[in-house]
Amino acid sequence: MVLPSYGQDENNIPTNPQDSISNLEDFRVRGYSSTYKRFSIRAGAGFQDSFYSEIGISRHTCTYSDVGFFANDYYLSLAWNLSSSDDIFSLKTGCQINIIPLLALGLETKYQTNFSENDLVITPKIGLGIFGDVYLFYGYNVSTNNYPFPDIGKHQFSFVLNIHKNFLRYL
């Protein structure tokens, strides 16, 4: 007697031949994806001819799927540049994305002032990211007011953390 082959022994033949194999095929057709959205604290530090630090809030979104990982952040933060003359304060807004493997891109605008001069700066950024939680960026500052602050150069290096309840839990 020839028994049908379902991956079980002859004493445990399923009554329904459509068992876990069809579920696996459904999984491949539909794919797997989950998205997490949360607000997180944004903390950062960097160097652009002078040291700066920032603190703010970001809307952090992570998507995990069977084809990879994607994270994006929209943020608003306050920054403080340690300057040799007057300290410079900035209000920053921007977005950044993180795609596996480690590629991170960002675009930021900031209004900076020392309360006697003002400048609006646009900074495109590229760097490395880990799950949208940790970023290391290089950015190029484009001034709209002819670079009025001598302690803020054109090149920006930054380290940013998006701190939330699942911070680096994916590692």
C-alpha atoms as a PDB file:
ATOM      1  CA  MET A   1       0.000   0.000   0.000  1.00  0.00           C
ATOM      2  CA  VAL A   2       1.375   3.450  -0.976  1.00  0.00           C
ATOM      3  CA  LEU A   3       0.687   6.270   1.456  1.00  0.00           C
ATOM      4  CA  PRO A   4       0.630   9.912   0.409  1.00  0.00           C
ATOM      5  CA  SER A   5       3.633  11.878   1.602  1.00  0.00           C
ATOM      6  CA  TYR A   6       2.760  14.812   3.872  1.00  0.00           C
ATOM      7  CA  GLY A   7       5.885  14.999   5.992  1.00  0.00           C
ATOM      8  CA  GLN A   8       4.420  12.906   8.824  1.00  0.00           C
ATOM      9  CA  ASP A   9       4.838   9.233   9.623  1.00  0.00           C
ATOM     10  CA  GLU A  10       2.173   6.695   8.624  1.00  0.00           C
ATOM     11  CA  ASN A  11       0.588   6.697  12.086  1.00  0.00           C
ATOM     12  CA  ASN A  12       0.029  10.451  12.030  1.00  0.00           C
ATOM     13  CA  ILE A  13      -1.431  11.161   8.588  1.00  0.00           C
ATOM     14  CA  PRO A  14      -3.429  14.406   8.656  1.00  0.00           C
ATOM     15  CA  THR A  15      -7.082  14.294   7.776  1.00  0.00           C
ATOM     16  CA  ASN A  16      -6.647  17.527   5.831  1.00  0.00           C
ATOM     17  CA  PRO A  17      -3.765  17.275   3.337  1.00  0.00           C
ATOM     18  CA  GLN A  18      -3.471  21.076   3.223  1.00  0.00           C
ATOM     19  CA  ASP A  19      -1.423  21.614   6.367  1.00  0.00           C
ATOM     20  CA  SER A  20       1.472  23.961   7.081  1.00  0.00           C
ATOM     21  CA  ILE A  21       2.792  23.958   3.492  1.00  0.00           C
ATOM     22  CA  SER A  22      -0.079  26.111   2.231  1.00  0.00           C
ATOM     23  CA  ASN A  23       0.437  28.503   5.139  1.00  0.00           C
ATOM     24  CA  LEU A  24       4.078  28.895   4.143  1.00  0.00           C
ATOM     25  CA  GLU A  25       3.080  29.666   0.555  1.00  0.00           C
ATOM     26  CA  ASP A  26       0.571  32.246   1.796  1.00  0.00           C
ATOM     27  CA  PHE A  27       3.336  33.810   3.883  1.00  0.00           C
ATOM     28  CA  ARG A  28       5.574  34.183   0.837  1.00  0.00           C
ATOM     29  CA  VAL A  29       2.823  35.685  -1.294  1.00  0.00           C
ATOM     30  CA  ARG A  30       1.593  38.139   1.328  1.00  0.00           C
ATOM     31  CA  GLY A  31       4.992  38.890   2.832  1.00  0.00           C
ATOM     32  CA  TYR A  32       5.702  39.984   6.362  1.00  0.00           C
ATOM     33  CA  SER A  33       5.720  43.576   7.501  1.00  0.00           C
ATOM     34  CA  SER A  34       5.304  45.377  10.803  1.00  0.00           C
ATOM     35  CA  THR A  35       5.514  49.072  11.531  1.00  0.00           C
ATOM     36  CA  TYR A  36       6.141  50.794  14.849  1.00  0.00           C
ATOM     37  CA  LYS A  37       5.460  54.495  15.325  1.00  0.00           C
ATOM     38  CA  ARG A  38       6.453  56.392  18.436  1.00  0.00           C
ATOM     39  CA  PHE A  39       7.633  59.727  19.689  1.00  0.00           C
ATOM     40  CA  SER A  40      11.187  59.726  20.949  1.00  0.00           C
ATOM     41  CA  ILE A  41      13.637  62.075  22.584  1.00  0.00           C
ATOM     42  CA  ARG A  42      16.272  63.322  20.162  1.00  0.00           C
ATOM     43  CA  ALA A  43      19.701  64.071  21.624  1.00  0.00           C
ATOM     44  CA  GLY A  44      22.736  64.965  19.586  1.00  0.00           C
ATOM     45  CA  ALA A  45      26.159  66.517  19.509  1.00  0.00           C
ATOM     46  CA  GLY A  46      28.478  67.533  16.741  1.00  0.00           C
ATOM     47  CA  PHE A  47      31.174  69.727  15.344  1.00  0.00           C
ATOM     48  CA  GLN A  48      30.982  72.428  12.650  1.00  0.00           C
ATOM     49  CA  ASP A  49      34.135  74.484  13.374  1.00  0.00           C
ATOM     50  CA  SER A  50      32.757  74.642  16.918  1.00  0.00           C
ATOM     51  CA  PHE A  51      31.053  72.162  19.233  1.00  0.00           C
ATOM     52  CA  TYR A  52      27.246  72.060  19.344  1.00  0.00           C
ATOM     53  CA  SER A  53      24.619  70.045  21.174  1.00  0.00           C
ATOM     54  CA  GLU A  54      20.914  69.595  20.569  1.00  0.00           C
ATOM     55  CA  ILE A  55      17.830  68.246  22.295  1.00  0.00           C
ATOM     56  CA  GLY A  56      14.376  67.761  20.847  1.00  0.00           C
ATOM     57  CA  ILE A  57      11.576  65.411  19.916  1.00  0.00           C
ATOM     58  CA  SER A  58      11.167  63.176  16.891  1.00  0.00           C
ATOM     59  CA  ARG A  59       8.390  61.146  15.320  1.00  0.00           C
ATOM     60  CA  HIS A  60      10.166  57.835  14.856  1.00  0.00           C
ATOM     61  CA  THR A  61       8.785  55.154  12.505  1.00  0.00           C
ATOM     62  CA  CYS A  62      10.346  51.719  11.912  1.00  0.00           C
ATOM     63  CA  THR A  63       9.165  49.194   9.341  1.00  0.00           C
ATOM     64  CA  TYR A  64      10.448  45.628   9.414  1.00  0.00           C
ATOM     65  CA  SER A  65       9.598  43.272   6.586  1.00  0.00           C
ATOM     66  CA  ASP A  66      10.818  40.159   4.857  1.00  0.00           C
ATOM     67  CA  VAL A  67      12.641  42.381   2.345  1.00  0.00           C
ATOM     68  CA  GLY A  68      14.501  44.559   4.844  1.00  0.00           C
ATOM     69  CA  PHE A  69      14.302  47.434   7.260  1.00  0.00           C
ATOM     70  CA  PHE A  70      13.366  51.093   6.918  1.00  0.00           C
ATOM     71  CA  ALA A  71      13.250  53.855   9.534  1.00  0.00           C
ATOM     72  CA  ASN A  72      12.405  57.516   9.242  1.00  0.00           C
ATOM     73  CA  ASP A  73      12.312  60.406  11.673  1.00  0.00           C
ATOM     74  CA  TYR A  74      10.732  63.839  11.520  1.00  0.00           C
ATOM     75  CA  TYR A  75      12.125  66.057  14.233  1.00  0.00           C
ATOM     76  CA  LEU A  76      12.166  69.440  15.906  1.00  0.00           C
ATOM     77  CA  SER A  77      15.040  70.374  18.197  1.00  0.00           C
ATOM     78  CA  LEU A  78      16.903  73.213  19.858  1.00  0.00           C
ATOM     79  CA  ALA A  79      20.656  73.474  19.365  1.00  0.00           C
ATOM     80  CA  TRP A  80      23.356  75.436  21.127  1.00  0.00           C
ATOM     81  CA  ASN A  81      26.741  76.252  19.535  1.00  0.00           C
ATOM     82  CA  LEU A  82      29.627  76.960  21.835  1.00  0.00           C
ATOM     83  CA  SER A  83      31.234  79.970  20.187  1.00  0.00           C
ATOM     84  CA  SER A  84      34.316  82.058  20.905  1.00  0.00           C
ATOM     85  CA  SER A  85      32.304  85.301  20.893  1.00  0.00           C
ATOM     86  CA  ASP A  86      28.536  84.943  21.395  1.00  0.00           C
ATOM     87  CA  ASP A  87      26.794  81.611  21.785  1.00  0.00           C
ATOM     88  CA  ILE A  88      24.583  80.703  18.840  1.00  0.00           C
ATOM     89  CA  PHE A  89      21.153  79.161  19.338  1.00  0.00           C
ATOM     90  CA  SER A  90      19.235  77.278  16.651  1.00  0.00           C
ATOM     91  CA  LEU A  91      15.770  75.939  16.057  1.00  0.00           C
ATOM     92  CA  LYS A  92      16.090  72.897  13.798  1.00  0.00           C
ATOM     93  CA  THR A  93      13.583  70.830  11.865  1.00  0.00           C
ATOM     94  CA  GLY A  94      14.255  68.012   9.488  1.00  0.00           C
ATOM     95  CA  CYS A  95      13.830  64.446   8.409  1.00  0.00           C
ATOM     96  CA  GLN A  96      16.168  61.503   8.146  1.00  0.00           C
ATOM     97  CA  ILE A  97      15.874  57.950   6.874  1.00  0.00           C
ATOM     98  CA  ASN A  98      17.790  54.772   7.614  1.00  0.00           C
ATOM     99  CA  ILE A  99      17.862  51.837   5.206  1.00  0.00           C
ATOM    100  CA  ILE A 100      19.692  48.575   5.831  1.00  0.00           C
ATOM    101  CA  PRO A 101      22.601  48.134   5.392  1.00  0.00           C
ATOM    102  CA  LEU A 102      23.401  51.171   7.516  1.00  0.00           C
ATOM    103  CA  LEU A 103      22.733  53.873   4.886  1.00  0.00           C
ATOM    104  CA  ALA A 104      21.316  57.068   6.381  1.00  0.00           C
ATOM    105  CA  LEU A 105      20.199  60.234   4.591  1.00  0.00           C
ATOM    106  CA  GLY A 106      18.844  63.466   6.004  1.00  0.00           C
ATOM    107  CA  LEU A 107      17.770  66.992   5.237  1.00  0.00           C
ATOM    108  CA  GLU A 108      17.645  69.676   7.890  1.00  0.00           C
ATOM    109  CA  THR A 109      16.764  73.360   8.059  1.00  0.00           C
ATOM    110  CA  LYS A 110      17.743  75.528  10.973  1.00  0.00           C
ATOM    111  CA  TYR A 111      17.214  79.102  11.993  1.00  0.00           C
ATOM    112  CA  GLN A 112      20.231  80.232  13.997  1.00  0.00           C
ATOM    113  CA  THR A 113      20.829  83.433  15.890  1.00  0.00           C
ATOM    114  CA  ASN A 114      23.102  85.091  18.413  1.00  0.00           C
ATOM    115  CA  PHE A 115      20.386  87.725  18.942  1.00  0.00           C
ATOM    116  CA  SER A 116      22.232  90.290  16.835  1.00  0.00           C
ATOM    117  CA  GLU A 117      22.588  88.330  13.571  1.00  0.00           C
ATOM    118  CA  ASN A 118      20.372  85.644  12.049  1.00  0.00           C
ATOM    119  CA  ASP A 119      20.795  82.941   9.431  1.00  0.00           C
ATOM    120  CA  LEU A 120      18.663  80.263   7.813  1.00  0.00           C
ATOM    121  CA  VAL A 121      20.724  77.182   6.955  1.00  0.00           C
ATOM    122  CA  ILE A 122      19.847  74.129   4.870  1.00  0.00           C
ATOM    123  CA  THR A 123      21.924  71.009   5.540  1.00  0.00           C
ATOM    124  CA  PRO A 124      21.759  67.846   3.408  1.00  0.00           C
ATOM    125  CA  LYS A 125      23.334  64.904   5.280  1.00  0.00           C
ATOM    126  CA  ILE A 126      24.642  61.414   4.586  1.00  0.00           C
ATOM    127  CA  GLY A 127      25.953  58.857   7.028  1.00  0.00           C
ATOM    128  CA  LEU A 128      25.491  55.649   8.932  1.00  0.00           C
ATOM    129  CA  GLY A 129      22.484  54.579  10.979  1.00  0.00           C
ATOM    130  CA  ILE A 130      21.553  51.706  13.256  1.00  0.00           C
ATOM    131  CA  PHE A 131      17.808  50.895  13.237  1.00  0.00           C
ATOM    132  CA  GLY A 132      16.960  54.597  13.158  1.00  0.00           C
ATOM    133  CA  ASP A 133      18.103  54.870  16.779  1.00  0.00           C
ATOM    134  CA  VAL A 134      21.746  55.925  16.334  1.00  0.00           C
ATOM    135  CA  TYR A 135      23.067  58.110  13.524  1.00  0.00           C
ATOM    136  CA  LEU A 136      26.506  59.364  12.516  1.00  0.00           C
ATOM    137  CA  PHE A 137      26.227  62.058   9.832  1.00  0.00           C
ATOM    138  CA  TYR A 138      28.303  64.295   7.618  1.00  0.00           C
ATOM    139  CA  GLY A 139      26.404  67.369   6.442  1.00  0.00           C
ATOM    140  CA  TYR A 140      27.124  70.408   4.320  1.00  0.00           C
ATOM    141  CA  ASN A 141      25.703  73.697   5.656  1.00  0.00           C
ATOM    142  CA  VAL A 142      24.255  75.985   2.983  1.00  0.00           C
ATOM    143  CA  SER A 143      23.726  79.478   4.402  1.00  0.00           C
ATOM    144  CA  THR A 144      21.105  81.876   3.058  1.00  0.00           C
ATOM    145  CA  ASN A 145      22.854  84.873   4.674  1.00  0.00           C
ATOM    146  CA  ASN A 146      26.453  84.490   3.449  1.00  0.00           C
ATOM    147  CA  TYR A 147      27.736  82.581   6.543  1.00  0.00           C
ATOM    148  CA  PRO A 148      27.504  85.397   9.157  1.00  0.00           C
ATOM    149  CA  PHE A 149      28.885  83.256  12.017  1.00  0.00           C
ATOM    150  CA  PRO A 150      32.641  82.585  11.753  1.00  0.00           C
ATOM    151  CA  ASP A 151      32.470  79.747  14.324  1.00  0.00           C
ATOM    152  CA  ILE A 152      30.004  77.759  12.208  1.00  0.00           C
ATOM    153  CA  GLY A 153      31.649  76.290   9.149  1.00  0.00           C
ATOM    154  CA  LYS A 154      30.302  74.668   6.027  1.00  0.00           C
ATOM    155  CA  HIS A 155      31.029  71.100   7.142  1.00  0.00           C
ATOM    156  CA  GLN A 156      29.048  69.459   9.926  1.00  0.00           C
ATOM    157  CA  PHE A 157      29.722  66.167  11.712  1.00  0.00           C
ATOM    158  CA  SER A 158      26.991  64.946  14.037  1.00  0.00           C
ATOM    159  CA  PHE A 159      26.088  62.051  16.315  1.00  0.00           C
ATOM    160  CA  VAL A 160      22.357  61.682  17.065  1.00  0.00           C
ATOM    161  CA  LEU A 161      20.332  59.346  19.296  1.00  0.00           C
ATOM    162  CA  ASN A 162      16.568  58.764  19.078  1.00  0.00           C
ATOM    163  CA  ILE A 163      15.839  57.467  22.575  1.00  0.00           C
ATOM    164  CA  HIS A 164      12.576  55.585  23.127  1.00  0.00           C
ATOM    165  CA  LYS A 165      11.338  52.530  25.039  1.00  0.00           C
ATOM    166  CA  ASN A 166      12.773  50.060  22.467  1.00  0.00           C
ATOM    167  CA  PHE A 167      16.091  51.894  21.998  1.00  0.00           C
ATOM    168  CA  LEU A 168      18.596  49.470  20.365  1.00  0.00           C
ATOM    169  CA  ARG A 169      16.454  46.521  21.413  1.00  0.00           C
ATOM    170  CA  TYR A 170      16.643  45.085  17.881  1.00  0.00           C
ATOM    171  CA  LEU A 171      20.338  44.168  18.122  1.00  0.00           C
END
